[in-house]
Protein backbone atom coordinates (compact mmCIF):
# COMPACT_ATOMS: atom_id res chain seq x y z
CA UNK A 1 0.00 0.00 0.00
CA UNK A 2 0.96 3.66 -0.10
CA UNK A 3 1.36 5.74 3.05
CA UNK A 4 2.71 9.14 4.04
CA UNK A 5 6.07 8.58 5.73
CA UNK A 6 7.87 11.04 8.02
CA UNK A 7 11.29 10.62 6.41
CA UNK A 8 13.08 12.60 9.15
CA UNK A 9 11.84 15.03 11.83
CA UNK A 10 11.30 18.47 10.33
CA UNK A 11 9.07 20.75 8.29
CA UNK A 12 6.17 19.76 6.03
CA UNK A 13 8.47 18.68 3.19
CA UNK A 14 9.66 15.64 5.17
CA UNK A 15 6.24 14.05 4.49
CA UNK A 16 6.64 11.69 1.52
CA UNK A 17 4.12 9.30 -0.06
CA UNK A 18 5.88 5.92 -0.28
CA UNK A 19 5.16 2.26 -0.95
CA UNK A 20 5.07 0.38 2.38
CA UNK A 21 3.97 -2.97 3.79
CA UNK A 22 0.26 -3.54 4.38
CA UNK A 23 -0.80 -3.52 8.05
CA UNK A 24 -1.16 -6.86 9.82
CA UNK A 25 -4.52 -7.66 11.40
CA UNK A 26 -4.95 -8.72 15.03
CA UNK A 27 -7.67 -11.02 16.34
CA UNK A 28 -9.62 -8.05 17.76
CA UNK A 29 -9.00 -5.70 14.84
CA UNK A 30 -10.34 -4.85 11.43
CA UNK A 31 -8.51 -3.59 8.36
CA UNK A 32 -10.09 -0.44 6.95
CA UNK A 33 -9.47 0.64 3.36
CA UNK A 34 -9.16 4.37 3.96
CA UNK A 35 -11.38 6.85 2.11
CA UNK A 36 -10.11 9.94 3.94
CA UNK A 37 -8.18 11.01 7.02
CA UNK A 38 -8.20 14.32 8.88
CA UNK A 39 -5.33 16.46 10.14
CA UNK A 40 -4.83 17.15 13.84
CA UNK A 41 -2.27 19.41 15.55
CA UNK A 42 -0.69 16.27 17.00
CA UNK A 43 0.27 15.24 13.45
CA UNK A 44 2.41 18.34 13.05
CA UNK A 45 4.10 17.68 16.40
CA UNK A 46 4.78 14.07 15.40
CA UNK A 47 6.27 15.29 12.12
CA UNK A 48 8.68 17.49 14.09
CA UNK A 49 9.72 14.58 16.31
CA UNK A 50 7.96 16.04 19.37
CA UNK A 51 5.11 13.52 19.73
CA UNK A 52 6.24 9.93 19.09
CA UNK A 53 3.54 7.31 18.51
CA UNK A 54 2.71 5.05 21.46
CA UNK A 55 4.47 1.67 21.58
CA UNK A 56 2.87 -0.82 19.22
CA UNK A 57 1.00 1.74 17.10
CA UNK A 58 1.67 2.73 13.49
CA UNK A 59 4.60 5.02 12.73
CA UNK A 60 2.53 6.84 10.11
CA UNK A 61 0.60 9.95 11.21
CA UNK A 62 -3.19 10.14 11.24
CA UNK A 63 -5.42 9.86 14.32
CA UNK A 64 -8.76 9.29 12.56
CA UNK A 65 -10.14 8.07 9.26
CA UNK A 66 -13.17 6.90 7.36
CA UNK A 67 -13.41 4.02 4.94
CA UNK A 68 -14.65 0.52 4.24
CA UNK A 69 -14.01 -2.64 6.26
CA UNK A 70 -11.78 -4.89 4.14
CA UNK A 71 -11.10 -7.75 6.57
CA UNK A 72 -11.95 -8.70 10.15
CA UNK A 73 -10.09 -10.48 12.95
CA UNK A 74 -11.41 -13.77 14.29
CA UNK A 75 -12.80 -12.24 17.51
CA UNK A 76 -14.71 -9.42 15.78
CA UNK A 77 -18.49 -9.86 15.71
CA UNK A 78 -20.12 -6.46 15.17
CA UNK A 79 -18.50 -5.50 11.88
CA UNK A 80 -18.48 -7.24 8.52
CA UNK A 81 -16.56 -6.84 5.28
CA UNK A 82 -18.01 -3.96 3.25
CA UNK A 83 -19.26 -1.93 6.23
CA UNK A 84 -18.67 1.81 5.89
CA UNK A 85 -17.11 3.17 9.08
CA UNK A 86 -15.09 5.94 10.65
CA UNK A 87 -12.49 5.28 13.32
CA UNK A 88 -10.40 6.69 16.15
CA UNK A 89 -6.75 5.73 15.61
CA UNK A 90 -3.50 5.73 17.57
CA UNK A 91 -1.81 6.46 14.23
CA UNK A 92 -1.70 5.23 10.66
CA UNK A 93 -4.50 7.23 9.05
CA UNK A 94 -2.29 8.77 6.34
CA UNK A 95 -2.37 5.50 4.37
CA UNK A 96 -4.47 3.42 2.01
CA UNK A 97 -5.18 0.85 4.75
CA UNK A 98 -5.07 0.83 8.55
CA UNK A 99 -5.57 -1.77 11.28
CA UNK A 100 -8.05 -0.61 13.93
CA UNK A 101 -9.21 -2.19 17.23
CA UNK A 102 -12.86 -3.10 16.61
CA UNK A 103 -14.06 -1.03 19.58
CA UNK A 104 -12.74 2.16 17.98
CA UNK A 105 -14.99 1.96 14.92
CA UNK A 106 -18.20 3.94 14.47
CA UNK A 107 -20.89 3.63 11.80
CA UNK A 108 -21.16 6.53 9.36
CA UNK A 109 -23.94 8.81 10.69
CA UNK A 110 -26.88 9.15 8.32
CA UNK A 111 -26.68 12.38 6.34
CA UNK A 112 -22.86 12.47 6.40
CA UNK A 113 -20.73 11.40 3.42
CA UNK A 114 -18.12 8.69 3.86
CA UNK A 115 -15.41 11.25 3.08
CA UNK A 116 -16.60 13.90 5.54
CA UNK A 117 -17.06 11.32 8.31
CA UNK A 118 -13.25 11.28 8.62
CA UNK A 119 -13.54 14.69 10.30
CA UNK A 120 -15.60 13.38 13.24
CA UNK A 121 -13.93 10.71 15.43
CA UNK A 122 -11.08 12.69 17.01
CA UNK A 123 -13.09 15.85 17.74
CA UNK A 124 -16.14 13.95 18.95
CA UNK A 125 -14.15 11.65 21.22
CA UNK A 126 -11.96 14.48 22.52
CA UNK A 127 -14.80 16.86 23.34
CA UNK A 128 -17.14 14.22 24.74
CA UNK A 129 -14.49 12.51 26.91
CA UNK A 130 -13.14 15.76 28.35
CA UNK A 131 -15.85 18.34 28.99
CA UNK A 132 -18.80 15.95 29.21
CA UNK A 133 -17.51 12.67 30.68
CA UNK A 134 -14.80 14.13 32.94
CA UNK A 135 -15.77 17.77 33.58
CA UNK A 136 -19.49 16.88 33.60
CA UNK A 137 -20.67 19.91 31.63
CA UNK A 138 -24.46 19.91 31.67
CA UNK A 139 -27.53 21.84 30.54
CA UNK A 140 -27.84 25.35 31.93
CA UNK A 141 -24.09 25.79 32.50
CA UNK A 142 -21.66 28.10 30.72
CA UNK A 143 -18.73 26.88 28.62
CA UNK A 144 -15.72 28.64 27.07
CA UNK A 145 -13.77 26.99 24.26
CA UNK A 146 -10.56 28.60 23.04
CA UNK A 147 -9.85 28.30 19.34
CA UNK A 148 -13.54 28.31 18.51
CA UNK A 149 -12.92 28.05 14.76
CA UNK A 150 -10.68 24.97 15.02
CA UNK A 151 -11.85 21.43 14.42
CA UNK A 152 -12.31 20.93 18.16
CA UNK A 153 -13.94 24.34 18.56
CA UNK A 154 -16.46 24.07 15.74
CA UNK A 155 -17.56 20.66 17.02
CA UNK A 156 -17.65 21.77 20.69
CA UNK A 157 -19.90 24.75 19.90
CA UNK A 158 -22.47 22.57 18.17
CA UNK A 159 -22.62 19.70 20.65
CA UNK A 160 -22.72 22.07 23.64
CA UNK A 161 -25.62 24.01 22.12
CA UNK A 162 -27.42 20.72 21.42
CA UNK A 163 -27.21 19.97 25.14
CA UNK A 164 -28.53 23.35 26.28
CA UNK A 165 -25.29 25.08 27.26
CA UNK A 166 -24.36 28.76 26.88
CA UNK A 167 -21.23 28.84 24.74
CA UNK A 168 -18.37 31.37 24.77
CA UNK A 169 -15.55 31.21 22.20
CA UNK A 170 -12.30 32.98 21.46
CA UNK A 171 -10.82 33.31 17.97
CA UNK A 172 -8.39 35.63 16.22
CA UNK A 173 -10.39 37.21 13.40
CA UNK A 174 -13.82 38.65 12.73
CA UNK A 175 -14.34 36.07 9.97
CA UNK A 176 -13.68 33.20 12.36
CA UNK A 177 -15.91 34.71 15.04
CA UNK A 178 -18.75 35.20 12.56
CA UNK A 179 -18.47 31.53 11.62
CA UNK A 180 -18.61 30.54 15.30
CA UNK A 181 -21.69 32.70 15.78
CA UNK A 182 -23.39 31.00 12.82
CA UNK A 183 -22.70 27.64 14.49
CA UNK A 184 -24.53 28.85 17.59
CA UNK A 185 -21.88 30.42 19.85
CA UNK A 186 -23.52 32.91 22.23
CA UNK A 187 -20.51 35.10 23.09
CA UNK A 188 -17.69 35.54 20.55
CA UNK A 189 -14.44 37.15 21.74
CA UNK A 190 -11.57 38.35 19.55
CA UNK A 191 -8.54 37.50 21.69
CA UNK A 192 -6.37 39.90 19.66
CA UNK A 193 -8.44 42.97 20.53
CA UNK A 194 -10.28 42.00 23.73
CA UNK A 195 -9.36 40.73 27.19
CA UNK A 196 -11.29 37.48 27.35
CA UNK A 197 -11.26 37.45 31.17
CA UNK A 198 -12.97 40.85 31.35
CA UNK A 199 -15.49 39.91 28.66
CA UNK A 200 -16.36 36.61 30.36
CA UNK A 201 -16.88 38.39 33.68
CA UNK A 202 -18.99 41.07 32.00
CA UNK A 203 -21.21 38.50 30.26
CA UNK A 204 -21.70 36.39 33.41
CA UNK A 205 -22.42 39.12 35.94
CA UNK A 206 -18.95 38.79 37.42
CA UNK A 207 -19.24 35.05 38.08
CA UNK A 208 -17.21 33.44 35.30
CA UNK A 209 -17.94 30.33 33.24
CA UNK A 210 -18.40 26.80 34.57
CA UNK A 211 -16.10 24.90 32.18
CA UNK A 212 -13.19 25.90 29.92
CA UNK A 213 -11.63 23.73 27.20
CA UNK A 214 -8.13 24.99 26.43
CA UNK A 215 -5.47 24.04 23.90
CA UNK A 216 -3.28 27.13 24.44
CA UNK A 217 -1.59 26.20 27.70
CA UNK A 218 0.92 28.27 29.65
CA UNK A 219 0.08 31.82 28.57
CA UNK A 220 -3.64 31.31 29.25
CA UNK A 221 -3.42 29.25 32.44
CA UNK A 222 -3.83 31.97 35.08
CA UNK A 223 -6.30 33.88 32.91
CA UNK A 224 -8.37 30.73 32.51
CA UNK A 225 -8.48 30.27 36.29
CA UNK A 226 -9.52 33.93 36.63
CA UNK A 227 -12.37 33.28 34.17
CA UNK A 228 -13.93 30.40 36.10
CA UNK A 229 -17.02 30.42 38.31
CA UNK A 230 -17.14 28.84 41.76
CA UNK A 231 -16.61 25.08 41.32
CA UNK A 232 -15.37 25.79 37.79
CA UNK A 233 -13.48 23.20 35.75
CA UNK A 234 -10.53 23.87 33.44
CA UNK A 235 -9.66 21.13 30.97
CA UNK A 236 -6.31 21.23 29.14
CA UNK A 237 -5.88 19.37 25.85
CA UNK A 238 -2.88 21.21 24.38
CA UNK A 239 0.01 23.55 25.09
CA UNK A 240 0.44 25.66 21.97
CA UNK A 241 1.96 28.54 23.97
CA UNK A 242 4.21 26.39 26.18
CA UNK A 243 4.11 24.13 29.22
CA UNK A 244 5.67 26.16 32.05
CA UNK A 245 3.98 29.05 33.86
CA UNK A 246 3.52 30.62 37.28
CA UNK A 247 0.15 30.28 38.95
CA UNK A 248 -1.59 31.69 42.02
CA UNK A 249 -2.86 28.62 43.87
CA UNK A 250 -4.98 30.63 46.30
CA UNK A 251 -7.76 31.16 43.77
CA UNK A 252 -7.97 27.44 43.03
CA UNK A 253 -8.56 26.73 46.71
CA UNK A 254 -10.84 29.69 47.42
CA UNK A 255 -13.15 29.02 44.48
CA UNK A 256 -12.92 25.20 44.57
CA UNK A 257 -11.59 24.98 41.02
CA UNK A 258 -10.67 21.75 39.23
CA UNK A 259 -7.86 21.49 36.68
CA UNK A 260 -7.75 18.39 34.48
CA UNK A 261 -5.80 17.33 31.42
CA UNK A 262 -5.95 14.35 29.09
CA UNK A 263 -5.22 13.21 25.58
CA UNK A 264 -6.73 10.36 23.60
CA UNK A 265 -3.79 8.74 21.88
CA UNK A 266 -2.14 7.13 24.92
CA UNK A 267 -5.33 5.84 26.57
CA UNK A 268 -5.85 2.09 26.77
CA UNK A 269 -7.76 0.28 24.05
CA UNK A 270 -10.47 -0.47 26.62
CA UNK A 271 -10.81 3.18 27.61
CA UNK A 272 -10.97 4.29 23.98
CA UNK A 273 -13.70 1.72 23.31
CA UNK A 274 -15.69 3.09 26.27
CA UNK A 275 -15.39 6.64 24.93
CA UNK A 276 -16.33 5.58 21.39
CA UNK A 277 -19.39 3.75 22.74
CA UNK A 278 -20.51 6.86 24.65
CA UNK A 279 -19.98 9.02 21.55
CA UNK A 280 -22.16 6.70 19.48
CA UNK A 281 -24.93 6.91 22.10
CA UNK A 282 -24.75 10.62 22.96
CA UNK A 283 -23.24 12.40 19.93
CA UNK A 284 -24.27 10.40 16.86
CA UNK A 285 -28.01 11.12 17.40
CA UNK A 286 -27.24 14.87 17.32
CA UNK A 287 -25.37 14.45 14.03
CA UNK A 288 -28.13 12.33 12.50
CA UNK A 289 -30.69 14.96 13.57
CA UNK A 290 -28.69 17.58 11.65
CA UNK A 291 -27.88 19.54 14.83
CA UNK A 292 -24.14 18.85 14.62
CA UNK A 293 -22.49 18.97 11.20
CA UNK A 294 -18.96 18.28 9.97
CA UNK A 295 -17.03 21.46 9.25
CA UNK A 296 -14.47 20.80 6.52
CA UNK A 297 -12.28 23.66 5.29
CA UNK A 298 -10.43 21.94 2.45
CA UNK A 299 -9.66 18.55 0.88
CA UNK A 300 -6.18 17.54 -0.30
CA UNK A 301 -5.07 14.33 -2.02
CA UNK A 302 -2.88 12.11 0.19
CA UNK A 303 0.10 13.02 -1.99
CA UNK A 304 -0.22 16.67 -0.89
CA UNK A 305 0.06 16.02 2.86
CA UNK A 306 2.89 18.56 3.10
CA UNK A 307 0.70 21.30 1.64
CA UNK A 308 -2.11 20.36 4.04
CA UNK A 309 0.31 20.66 6.98
CA UNK A 310 1.40 24.09 5.77
CA UNK A 311 -2.23 25.22 5.77
CA UNK A 312 -2.81 23.88 9.28
CA UNK A 313 0.30 25.60 10.63
CA UNK A 314 -0.77 28.90 9.04
CA UNK A 315 -3.95 28.78 11.18
CA UNK A 316 -5.91 30.28 8.28
CA UNK A 317 -8.42 27.44 8.21
CA UNK A 318 -11.82 27.01 9.88
CA UNK A 319 -12.76 23.49 10.96
CA UNK A 320 -11.03 20.39 9.65
CA UNK A 321 -8.55 19.72 6.84
CA UNK A 322 -8.94 16.35 5.09
CA UNK A 323 -6.61 14.13 3.09
CA UNK A 324 -8.49 12.03 0.55
CA UNK A 325 -6.98 8.71 -0.46
């Protein structure tokens, strides 16, 4: 098969489409013939040598895909050859075929194309496992997501609104904020021209929001804490501005704040299967009802993975960037 290989750690040009060995199937796995895969920030970190794949997973980038089941392991009962699916991966999506633990597959939601379904698994599993399963965001609460126009952000806005939550977002341009508003965001903040802490306090009568989902990290950490309500929850899923900062611990104690962090890639297969099952039960109905839609900015052929990475790193996109096999 063909796959995108990271020939050496570095810039986008180190991504090369090469002929490689087909993946081997395990007893509890299926082989998916890939239709499309979606870019994630983690892919760019892996390309630079800063985010190695977990032991035992594919060396090729790609944390999600859609496609057709080509073969099944002997212990697999739910899926059959020919099924159209999308999947959460530990790696290997930038390829014509990928081996996937059976518990990490999802059916294609009705109303979504096979190609566009590649944009869903990582964002759905990330948002649902963090702010809903762990931070217990619920109807009537307030929620701030940084990077509202990102893949994570555009999904988080829609699913939070579906569940009756007041949504705040930050983004860096009026165009991106307008897009977020069209998706349902209630309060849209331009972080380049506004102090998001002051705006959050103003919009909440001085209280702050209940839950924050943050991918920025160090430079936002104290400001995030300052933006939280009593019993507020901050969830970290990235560190784009760095990993080291100073923090005033007194506010965490005084306002009973919770700080959590988690990724998906290094979780156990069992934990991923649990998350995927919850997503199918709680998120897929919202997609099939047309209340949550894939947001795809641009499609590239697999051979143009380098160009797709350049677009992602420019941060000029809204939503997801897809590679089509």
